[in-house]
Every structure is written in structure tokens, then in C-alpha cells.
Protein backbone atom coordinates (compact mmCIF):
# COMPACT_ATOMS: atom_id res chain seq x y z
CA UNK A 1 -12.85 54.86 22.62
CA UNK A 2 -12.03 57.77 21.13
CA UNK A 3 -9.72 59.21 23.95
CA UNK A 4 -7.85 62.16 23.60
CA UNK A 5 -4.22 62.49 25.30
CA UNK A 6 -5.85 64.90 27.79
CA UNK A 7 -8.56 62.56 28.57
CA UNK A 8 -6.12 59.62 28.84
CA UNK A 9 -4.06 61.49 31.42
CA UNK A 10 -7.40 62.29 33.23
CA UNK A 11 -8.45 58.73 33.26
CA UNK A 12 -5.27 57.59 34.70
CA UNK A 13 -5.50 59.92 37.41
CA UNK A 14 -8.92 59.46 38.68
CA UNK A 15 -9.04 55.65 38.21
CA UNK A 16 -5.85 54.65 40.16
CA UNK A 17 -3.93 53.59 37.14
CA UNK A 18 -0.63 52.44 38.25
CA UNK A 19 0.86 50.90 35.16
CA UNK A 20 0.55 51.75 31.65
CA UNK A 21 1.37 49.09 29.01
CA UNK A 22 2.46 50.19 25.70
CA UNK A 23 1.74 47.48 23.20
CA UNK A 24 2.91 46.43 19.85
CA UNK A 25 3.89 43.40 17.90
CA UNK A 26 7.01 42.05 16.16
CA UNK A 27 6.70 41.34 12.31
CA UNK A 28 5.19 37.91 12.97
CA UNK A 29 2.44 39.52 15.12
CA UNK A 30 3.52 38.37 18.36
CA UNK A 31 2.25 40.72 20.92
CA UNK A 32 5.22 42.90 23.25
CA UNK A 33 4.81 45.81 25.61
CA UNK A 34 6.68 47.64 28.18
CA UNK A 35 5.17 49.22 31.05
CA UNK A 36 5.49 52.53 32.20
CA UNK A 37 4.29 54.54 35.13
CA UNK A 38 1.79 57.36 35.21
CA UNK A 39 4.87 60.07 35.87
CA UNK A 40 6.13 58.96 32.12
CA UNK A 41 2.72 59.47 30.31
CA UNK A 42 3.62 63.10 29.37
CA UNK A 43 7.02 62.19 27.81
CA UNK A 44 5.13 59.00 25.97
CA UNK A 45 2.91 61.53 24.18
CA UNK A 46 5.51 64.24 23.60
CA UNK A 47 8.68 62.53 22.88
CA UNK A 48 7.58 58.54 22.78
CA UNK A 49 9.44 55.83 25.22
CA UNK A 50 12.51 54.47 23.73
CA UNK A 51 13.18 50.65 23.29
CA UNK A 52 15.60 48.61 22.20
CA UNK A 53 14.64 46.54 19.35
CA UNK A 54 17.59 44.27 18.50
CA UNK A 55 16.00 41.59 20.34
CA UNK A 56 12.82 41.61 18.43
CA UNK A 57 12.21 39.29 15.71
CA UNK A 58 12.17 41.68 12.45
CA UNK A 59 13.27 44.43 14.08
CA UNK A 60 16.89 43.25 14.07
CA UNK A 61 19.32 44.22 11.24
CA UNK A 62 19.28 48.09 11.03
CA UNK A 63 22.13 50.10 12.00
CA UNK A 64 20.49 51.59 14.80
CA UNK A 65 18.44 49.84 17.53
CA UNK A 66 16.66 52.62 19.19
CA UNK A 67 12.90 52.90 18.41
CA UNK A 68 10.31 55.02 19.71
CA UNK A 69 6.90 53.95 21.11
CA UNK A 70 4.18 56.63 20.59
CA UNK A 71 0.78 55.29 22.30
CA UNK A 72 -2.54 55.94 20.54
CA UNK A 73 -5.05 57.17 22.86
CA UNK A 74 -7.91 55.90 21.04
CA UNK A 75 -6.71 52.61 21.86
CA UNK A 76 -6.84 52.93 25.86
CA UNK A 77 -8.48 49.91 27.84
CA UNK A 78 -8.25 48.77 31.32
CA UNK A 79 -7.00 45.40 31.60
CA UNK A 80 -9.67 43.80 33.61
CA UNK A 81 -7.83 40.86 34.87
CA UNK A 82 -5.57 43.03 36.61
CA UNK A 83 -5.88 44.23 40.05
CA UNK A 84 -8.73 46.91 40.57
CA UNK A 85 -6.61 48.69 42.81
CA UNK A 86 -3.45 50.10 41.23
CA UNK A 87 -5.11 49.17 37.89
CA UNK A 88 -3.27 48.58 34.92
CA UNK A 89 -4.35 50.04 31.16
CA UNK A 90 -3.05 49.43 27.71
CA UNK A 91 -2.42 51.35 24.71
CA UNK A 92 -1.26 50.28 21.16
CA UNK A 93 1.49 52.18 19.88
CA UNK A 94 2.93 53.45 16.58
CA UNK A 95 6.51 52.84 16.26
CA UNK A 96 9.11 55.40 15.16
CA UNK A 97 12.79 56.38 14.59
CA UNK A 98 14.21 59.01 16.76
CA UNK A 99 13.48 61.68 14.41
CA UNK A 100 9.85 60.91 14.02
CA UNK A 101 10.23 58.87 10.90
CA UNK A 102 7.82 55.82 10.76
CA UNK A 103 9.79 52.55 11.35
CA UNK A 104 9.63 50.52 8.35
CA UNK A 105 8.69 47.23 9.91
CA UNK A 106 5.83 48.60 12.06
CA UNK A 107 3.16 46.31 10.62
CA UNK A 108 0.44 48.37 12.37
CA UNK A 109 2.13 51.29 10.43
CA UNK A 110 1.51 49.45 7.23
CA UNK A 111 -1.87 48.95 7.96
CA UNK A 112 -2.85 52.35 8.64
CA UNK A 113 -0.89 53.41 5.34
CA UNK A 114 -3.26 50.82 3.32
CA UNK A 115 -6.25 52.40 5.13
CA UNK A 116 -5.24 55.98 3.95
CA UNK A 117 -4.84 54.70 0.49
CA UNK A 118 -8.22 53.44 0.38
CA UNK A 119 -9.78 56.34 1.97
CA UNK A 120 -8.22 58.92 -0.44
CA UNK A 121 -9.77 56.64 -3.45
CA UNK A 122 -12.88 56.85 -1.27
CA UNK A 123 -13.43 53.29 0.05
CA UNK A 124 -13.81 52.47 3.75
CA UNK A 125 -13.08 48.27 4.38
CA UNK A 126 -14.46 46.95 7.31
CA UNK A 127 -13.32 43.71 9.19
CA UNK A 128 -14.52 41.28 11.44
CA UNK A 129 -12.59 37.68 12.62
CA UNK A 130 -13.65 34.57 13.49
CA UNK A 131 -10.88 32.98 15.82
CA UNK A 132 -10.81 29.37 16.58
CA UNK A 133 -8.83 27.95 19.57
CA UNK A 134 -8.14 24.54 21.71
CA UNK A 135 -8.27 24.49 25.27
CA UNK A 136 -6.22 21.87 27.09
CA UNK A 137 -6.32 20.98 30.81
CA UNK A 138 -3.41 22.23 32.82
CA UNK A 139 -1.72 20.28 35.51
CA UNK A 140 -1.45 21.53 39.41
CA UNK A 141 1.72 23.83 38.29
CA UNK A 142 -0.39 25.27 35.35
CA UNK A 143 1.52 23.57 32.80
CA UNK A 144 -0.14 22.33 29.52
CA UNK A 145 -1.14 18.56 29.81
CA UNK A 146 -2.06 18.26 26.15
CA UNK A 147 -5.40 16.80 27.41
CA UNK A 148 -8.40 18.38 25.98
CA UNK A 149 -10.57 20.52 28.18
CA UNK A 150 -13.40 18.70 27.11
CA UNK A 151 -14.93 15.95 24.51
CA UNK A 152 -17.39 18.07 22.96
CA UNK A 153 -18.42 18.43 19.37
CA UNK A 154 -19.73 21.03 17.12
CA UNK A 155 -22.34 23.74 19.08
CA UNK A 156 -22.62 21.19 21.84
CA UNK A 157 -23.93 22.50 25.36
CA UNK A 158 -23.02 21.74 28.75
CA UNK A 159 -22.25 19.82 30.77
CA UNK A 160 -20.45 18.25 27.54
CA UNK A 161 -19.01 21.44 26.50
CA UNK A 162 -17.06 22.46 29.58
CA UNK A 163 -15.61 25.63 27.70
CA UNK A 164 -19.03 27.47 27.71
CA UNK A 165 -18.17 29.21 31.01
CA UNK A 166 -14.67 30.15 29.77
CA UNK A 167 -16.20 31.84 26.59
CA UNK A 168 -18.73 33.52 28.66
CA UNK A 169 -15.94 35.20 30.77
CA UNK A 170 -13.79 35.98 27.35
CA UNK A 171 -16.70 37.49 25.68
CA UNK A 172 -17.57 39.62 29.03
CA UNK A 173 -14.04 40.87 29.40
CA UNK A 174 -13.76 41.68 25.84
CA UNK A 175 -17.03 43.96 26.27
CA UNK A 176 -15.17 45.69 29.32
CA UNK A 177 -12.25 46.43 27.01
CA UNK A 178 -14.88 48.35 24.30
CA UNK A 179 -14.64 45.10 21.92
CA UNK A 180 -17.84 43.50 20.45
CA UNK A 181 -18.12 39.91 20.16
CA UNK A 182 -20.69 38.82 18.00
CA UNK A 183 -21.29 35.11 18.76
CA UNK A 184 -19.47 32.29 20.42
CA UNK A 185 -19.68 28.35 20.40
CA UNK A 186 -17.90 24.99 20.74
CA UNK A 187 -16.35 23.78 17.68
CA UNK A 188 -15.77 20.49 15.72
CA UNK A 189 -12.67 19.74 17.75
CA UNK A 190 -12.32 18.29 21.36
CA UNK A 191 -11.72 21.32 23.32
CA UNK A 192 -12.13 23.61 20.39
CA UNK A 193 -13.78 26.98 20.61
CA UNK A 194 -14.59 29.78 18.50
CA UNK A 195 -15.58 33.60 19.15
CA UNK A 196 -16.74 35.76 16.29
CA UNK A 197 -16.40 39.65 16.29
CA UNK A 198 -18.78 42.24 14.64
CA UNK A 199 -16.95 44.22 11.84
CA UNK A 200 -15.52 47.55 12.47
CA UNK A 201 -13.08 49.72 10.92
CA UNK A 202 -10.08 48.04 9.64
CA UNK A 203 -7.08 49.40 12.37
CA UNK A 204 -9.75 48.47 15.46
CA UNK A 205 -10.60 45.24 14.08
CA UNK A 206 -6.75 44.31 14.03
CA UNK A 207 -6.23 45.69 17.35
CA UNK A 208 -8.98 43.77 18.63
CA UNK A 209 -7.79 40.44 17.21
CA UNK A 210 -4.63 41.14 19.14
CA UNK A 211 -6.37 41.96 22.15
CA UNK A 212 -8.56 39.00 21.65
CA UNK A 213 -5.24 36.43 21.99
CA UNK A 214 -4.23 38.14 25.23
CA UNK A 215 -7.57 38.05 26.88
CA UNK A 216 -8.41 34.12 25.92
CA UNK A 217 -4.84 33.26 27.17
CA UNK A 218 -5.17 35.27 30.56
CA UNK A 219 -9.07 34.06 31.05
CA UNK A 220 -8.19 30.26 30.39
CA UNK A 221 -5.10 30.44 32.52
CA UNK A 222 -7.11 31.64 35.75
CA UNK A 223 -9.73 28.87 34.91
CA UNK A 224 -7.16 25.67 35.02
CA UNK A 225 -6.85 25.53 31.18
CA UNK A 226 -4.10 26.47 28.20
CA UNK A 227 -5.02 27.94 25.14
CA UNK A 228 -3.59 26.66 21.85
CA UNK A 229 -3.96 29.00 18.66
CA UNK A 230 -1.79 27.12 16.46
CA UNK A 231 -3.27 25.76 13.17
CA UNK A 232 -3.14 22.01 13.76
CA UNK A 233 -2.63 21.60 17.72
CA UNK A 234 -4.52 17.98 17.33
CA UNK A 235 -3.36 15.54 14.36
CA UNK A 236 -6.58 14.47 12.29
CA UNK A 237 -8.66 17.02 13.92
CA UNK A 238 -9.81 20.21 12.78
CA UNK A 239 -7.48 22.89 12.63
CA UNK A 240 -7.65 26.61 13.53
CA UNK A 241 -8.60 29.08 11.14
CA UNK A 242 -9.05 32.98 11.18
CA UNK A 243 -11.83 33.69 8.81
CA UNK A 244 -11.69 36.89 8.01
CA UNK A 245 -14.94 38.85 7.06
CA UNK A 246 -14.60 42.10 4.98
CA UNK A 247 -17.01 44.73 3.17
CA UNK A 248 -16.34 47.69 1.45
CA UNK A 249 -18.40 51.17 1.54
CA UNK A 250 -18.07 54.16 -0.58
CA UNK A 251 -20.24 57.18 0.10
CA UNK A 252 -21.76 55.39 2.70
CA UNK A 253 -23.26 52.77 0.64
CA UNK A 254 -22.02 49.13 0.14
CA UNK A 255 -19.92 48.48 -2.80
CA UNK A 256 -20.44 45.20 -5.01
CA UNK A 257 -17.69 42.96 -3.83
CA UNK A 258 -17.01 41.21 -6.98
CA UNK A 259 -13.90 42.95 -8.18
CA UNK A 260 -12.63 43.17 -4.60
CA UNK A 261 -13.09 39.34 -4.50
CA UNK A 262 -11.45 39.17 -7.84
CA UNK A 263 -8.12 41.39 -6.65
CA UNK A 264 -7.98 39.17 -3.59
CA UNK A 265 -8.00 35.90 -5.44
CA UNK A 266 -5.23 37.15 -7.96
CA UNK A 267 -3.24 37.60 -5.32
CA UNK A 268 -4.15 34.78 -3.11
CA UNK A 269 -0.84 32.43 -3.69
CA UNK A 270 1.08 35.49 -3.16
CA UNK A 271 -0.58 36.76 0.27
CA UNK A 272 -0.41 33.22 1.48
CA UNK A 273 2.91 33.47 3.43
CA UNK A 274 1.38 36.09 5.64
CA UNK A 275 -1.89 34.73 6.04
CA UNK A 276 -0.46 31.04 6.72
CA UNK A 277 3.06 31.95 8.29
CA UNK A 278 4.14 28.70 10.06
CA UNK A 279 4.79 25.36 9.09
CA UNK A 280 1.97 23.73 10.50
CA UNK A 281 -0.42 26.14 8.55
CA UNK A 282 -0.07 23.68 5.58
CA UNK A 283 -1.13 20.80 7.92
CA UNK A 284 -4.38 22.59 7.96
CA UNK A 285 -4.83 23.87 4.68
CA UNK A 286 -6.72 21.68 2.31
CA UNK A 287 -8.30 19.53 5.01
CA UNK A 288 -11.38 19.40 7.26
CA UNK A 289 -13.01 22.56 6.23
CA UNK A 290 -10.11 24.30 5.44
CA UNK A 291 -9.70 25.43 1.74
CA UNK A 292 -7.13 24.19 -0.55
CA UNK A 293 -8.04 25.88 -4.03
CA UNK A 294 -8.35 29.51 -5.27
CA UNK A 295 -12.27 30.01 -5.65
CA UNK A 296 -15.31 31.55 -4.68
CA UNK A 297 -18.74 31.00 -4.06
CA UNK A 298 -21.65 31.93 -2.07
CA UNK A 299 -22.43 29.80 0.85
CA UNK A 300 -20.16 27.17 -0.17
CA UNK A 301 -17.91 26.34 2.83
CA UNK A 302 -14.96 24.51 0.63
CA UNK A 303 -14.04 27.62 -1.33
CA UNK A 304 -11.31 30.36 -0.31
CA UNK A 305 -13.70 33.15 -0.42
CA UNK A 306 -17.40 32.62 0.28
CA UNK A 307 -20.09 34.98 0.49
CA UNK A 308 -22.59 33.97 3.49
CA UNK A 309 -26.13 34.25 3.51
CA UNK A 310 -26.85 37.44 5.41
CA UNK A 311 -29.09 40.59 4.98
CA UNK A 312 -28.44 44.42 4.84
CA UNK A 313 -25.61 45.38 6.84
CA UNK A 314 -24.48 42.19 7.63
CA UNK A 315 -23.50 41.21 3.92
CA UNK A 316 -20.14 40.46 3.51
CA UNK A 317 -17.40 38.04 1.97
CA UNK A 318 -15.47 35.74 4.06
CA UNK A 319 -11.92 34.55 3.44
CA UNK A 320 -11.24 31.23 4.78
CA UNK A 321 -7.48 30.53 4.41
CA UNK A 322 -5.72 32.42 7.23
CA UNK A 323 -5.01 31.09 10.56
CA UNK A 324 -4.37 32.70 14.09
CA UNK A 325 -0.63 32.83 13.58
CA UNK A 326 -1.10 35.47 10.96
CA UNK A 327 -0.34 39.00 11.58
CA UNK A 328 -3.78 40.79 11.47
CA UNK A 329 -2.21 43.94 10.59
CA UNK A 330 -0.28 42.60 7.68
CA UNK A 331 -3.23 40.49 6.48
CA UNK A 332 -5.78 43.25 6.64
CA UNK A 333 -3.18 45.65 5.12
CA UNK A 334 -2.57 43.03 1.85
CA UNK A 335 -6.43 42.12 1.72
CA UNK A 336 -7.04 46.19 1.22
CA UNK A 337 -4.34 46.55 -1.45
CA UNK A 338 -5.52 43.49 -3.22
CA UNK A 339 -9.22 44.65 -3.07
CA UNK A 340 -8.38 48.19 -3.97
CA UNK A 341 -6.55 46.87 -7.29
CA UNK A 342 -9.73 44.87 -8.08
CA UNK A 343 -11.66 47.84 -7.66
CA UNK A 344 -9.40 50.29 -9.68
CA UNK A 345 -8.87 48.09 -12.53
CA UNK A 346 -12.37 46.64 -12.48
CA UNK A 347 -11.52 43.01 -12.18
CA UNK A 348 -14.04 40.02 -12.47
CA UNK A 349 -13.69 37.33 -10.52
CA UNK A 350 -13.64 33.45 -12.18
CA UNK A 351 -16.88 31.67 -12.39
CA UNK A 352 -18.63 30.65 -9.24
CA UNK A 353 -17.39 27.29 -7.94
CA UNK A 354 -21.00 25.77 -6.72
CA UNK A 355 -19.43 21.75 -5.88
CA UNK A 356 -18.20 20.56 -2.95
CA UNK A 357 -14.36 20.45 -3.41
CA UNK A 358 -13.80 18.14 -0.63
CA UNK A 359 -15.60 15.61 -2.29
CA UNK A 360 -14.62 16.33 -5.86
CA UNK A 361 -12.58 13.78 -7.98
CA UNK A 362 -8.90 14.62 -8.93
CA UNK A 363 -9.86 15.45 -12.19
CA UNK A 364 -12.23 18.08 -11.37
CA UNK A 365 -9.75 19.55 -8.54
CA UNK A 366 -6.90 19.66 -11.61
CA UNK A 367 -9.00 22.51 -12.95
CA UNK A 368 -8.60 25.11 -9.97
CA UNK A 369 -5.42 26.83 -9.22
CA UNK A 370 -4.26 25.82 -5.53
CA UNK A 371 -3.23 27.50 -2.45
CA UNK A 372 0.75 26.68 -1.81
CA UNK A 373 0.88 23.49 0.06
CA UNK A 374 3.96 24.13 1.83
CA UNK A 375 5.90 27.19 3.55
CA UNK A 376 8.73 26.92 1.44
CA UNK A 377 6.38 26.91 -2.07
CA UNK A 378 4.51 29.99 -0.10
CA UNK A 379 7.77 31.80 0.46
CA UNK A 380 9.01 31.05 -3.26
CA UNK A 381 5.81 32.63 -4.65
CA UNK A 382 5.82 35.66 -2.02
CA UNK A 383 9.53 36.32 -3.21
CA UNK A 384 8.80 36.59 -6.90
CA UNK A 385 5.88 38.48 -6.45
CA UNK A 386 5.82 42.44 -7.60
CA UNK A 387 2.70 43.07 -5.64
CA UNK A 388 4.00 41.84 -2.50
CA UNK A 389 7.55 43.73 -3.03
CA UNK A 390 5.61 46.99 -4.16
CA UNK A 391 3.99 47.34 -0.32
CA UNK A 392 6.01 45.73 1.94
CA UNK A 393 9.28 46.90 3.00
CA UNK A 394 12.59 44.49 2.07
CA UNK A 395 13.69 44.39 5.70
CA UNK A 396 10.33 42.61 6.89
CA UNK A 397 10.28 40.54 3.75
CA UNK A 398 13.64 39.25 4.66
CA UNK A 399 12.11 37.78 8.02
CA UNK A 400 9.42 35.96 6.46
CA UNK A 401 11.66 34.81 3.89
CA UNK A 402 14.49 33.55 6.19
CA UNK A 403 11.53 31.90 8.04
CA UNK A 404 10.12 29.89 5.05
CA UNK A 405 13.44 28.72 4.02
CA UNK A 406 13.86 31.12 0.66
CA UNK A 407 16.72 33.08 2.26
């Protein structure tokens, strides 16, 4: 939106804004916020708003629990599902200590540093996500019944696809918030849906991915449905992925993605803990269109990274292993760091994998390195990685290692 602080204050006054949500997330990407009144906006911009962080996962364990939220005026957005009179707006925040020092476990800050490192080297990374989710019917009290919202299949239409009106409302709501969805359709599972985003610069794309989850939940709720972003909501059915499309430019021109892909493949196993951070993630990987091996190819959907058929500005590569439980700030930041290593060292990717890995024999599959098959294995590999420890702070890593059973 490119608002300045003064423009935000003017907007709040002219548009009858009564509540301002200062949004951030914990180290695992769970949305958090604190609401302030318009009278506190000057203080928020000049000093920050203090929060007690001891009860926030991944923020505990420091000698002091006092942290400060500093709203980013560029991220101002109205929440369209809130009342029109006495409006509610939201801004994402940077997190600091009282003296202004960046908070080590602020994952949004980590992504900003990764973007800066890439820009200093002359590169601009852009991202777009494809997020999948299941819709389940709610009971009279609004609770999840675990009954799929419909029994439609891949790209079916109404009336079999009962989720099309919800997807339409989600896309319209996103547009009202300055976010550009690219396409939407019913996915393969019962009640499963997908909405894809047009690529944009890294920080906005991560902010948009966080906003998307909130919008889907709000819209589903007012349509008598509950949403499930978890990696494997229904046994023996397709899991939910968060495919990450990426492209790189230098001096306004597209960069050859081969060394970027090589860097990501080199560190794929080490990054898996952060791309697939829950036990259920590993029920999805390697099954029903989810990758299981560290491979790449053009158009081949059984590989970890594929280069889709596209023209001009739409050319990109797609990382297919992440799921919606990943913190997008950490995911994008690590992809940038791995891709930069590939560019700076001139890494060359392995031979392209042209076979369908879902139908290959065990003898063939044994020739490829595999993605970690459990949260525990992913935690062990990440804990032994110089690449991971070089970029992520020890306190943040402790939270992930503890969750994976490594600590």
C-alpha cells in the first residue's frame, strides 16, 4: 500500500477507525496481535507498544519479557469482515527490545535481513504461494464436525463443488485488502480447496500468506464451515501443501535459476524442519502428489522442485514440499539464503529427473537422496547443519529442536 505514518494517521481519522490491530507471529508462524485505540497510534510509531512475551511460544527463555511492537505503515489494511462503522485495521510489526535492538526471534526481521543480503548482492527474490486447505461443516454452535463440506474432486464445479462461493468471497476479501489472488479451484480431496497468489517481493508475499490464513478462517466461519490447514487432515486423502513459487532478478532481468535450484537442493534436508514443522507433515510427504526425494525437473510434479510451463514474467520454479504449518518468513528467508549460496558459488544442480517418482521401483528410488521421513529426523539434520546455525538464532532453534524431540 506504501502508506507513510502520517497517511496512516489521516486514514484512521477519516475512515472512522476505532481499533488498530498490531500483528506479528510466534516462531512457528502462529498469528498474534494486540489491539490499540487510535489515541495510541502516535506512541506506537514513535516508541512502540510494549508486550509481555513470556507466554508466547519461542519468545520465552530470555532474561527480560518486555518487547516492543513497531507497526509497519506499508502493511495497513482494513479488515473487511469487521463492522463498517467503527472499522478495524491491521498492520504487521517489527519486534525490538526496549533500546530498539531487533528481537532475535522475530522471524519477520529474519526475512528482512535475508532480503537485504540479497539486495546487497544485486538480487531481488519474488515469491508466490499456493495454499491448500480443507473445509468441514460446522454444527449449530459453530464447532467442527469433521464432515467434509462437499464430496467434489479436482477442479469440479457447482453444485458438486459447494466451496466455490466461499473461495469467491475469500478472493474478493483479499482484493479489498490489497492482495492479488491469481486463481482458485477445488482440490482433489473432499472439501479441499486451493487459492494461488501472484508473485511479489518477498516480505509482502510472506505478509500476504499470513493474512490469507486469517481471511480463510473468517470467511469460512461466517459461511457455516471450519477450515483446516494442517498437512494431513483426512487419512488416505491428499494432504495440504503450501507450494512456494520463486523467481530472481538482477538489474531488472530474470536470473538463470539453475544455481538457485542447486543451492536449495543442497540444503533441502537441513531446511525441512522449518518447511514441515509438525509431526503430521511427514504423513503427507512422499504420498499422493507430495514429494519425497531431493530432485528437480521441468514440469514433473513428482520432484521436489519443478519448473512449470510458463512464458515471460510468469517463468519461475516451484518448491513443492512445504505445508501451510510452515512460518512463511522463515521459509522464504532460508530459500533466499540457500539460493544466494548457489548464485555466489556457481553451484550446478544434479541431473534432471524425468521419471515419475511415484511409480518408480525401489531400486530406482534408492539412487536419490530423500527428504527426512519424520520430524525427529528433520530436527537431527537441522541441528547438525552449519548452514542453519549460521542464519537462525540459537533461541529460535531451541524452540524447533525441542518440538522435534531433538533437545
